[in-house]
Amino acid sequence: MSFHIIYHEKFGKDIKKLKLSYIQLSRLKRKIEQIALNPYPKEYGGLGESLKGNLNGLLKFKFDKNYRVVYQLVKENDLMKVIIIGLRKDNQVYNDAEKRL
């Protein structure tokens, strides 16, 4: 069973800011759909990676080598809320994710 995917209202702005190509956008969409099939943390047999500290309870996955996608599970409603995509090179993606909670 797949989780229903919803996106944070600012996710579209994240995409525009990163200037992803059409091919990258297609691959990102497929990757999000793949993760939604089993979005749980790897320690529970899922495809996500648990975050710690102020982002405890959130998960992430890697997209290409340079990007991170942070998401949240709402298990009661089988929702996977995609919060942000950002560059890996600094921790800004995680700081911005915290602000969106």
Foldseek 3Di string as FASTA:
>chain_A
DFFAEDEQPCAVVQCVVVVDDPVLVVVVVVVVRVQRRFVDDVVVVGDWHADDDLRGQKTWDDRDPFKIWIWHADPVRSYIYTYYMDTPPDCVRVVVSSVSD
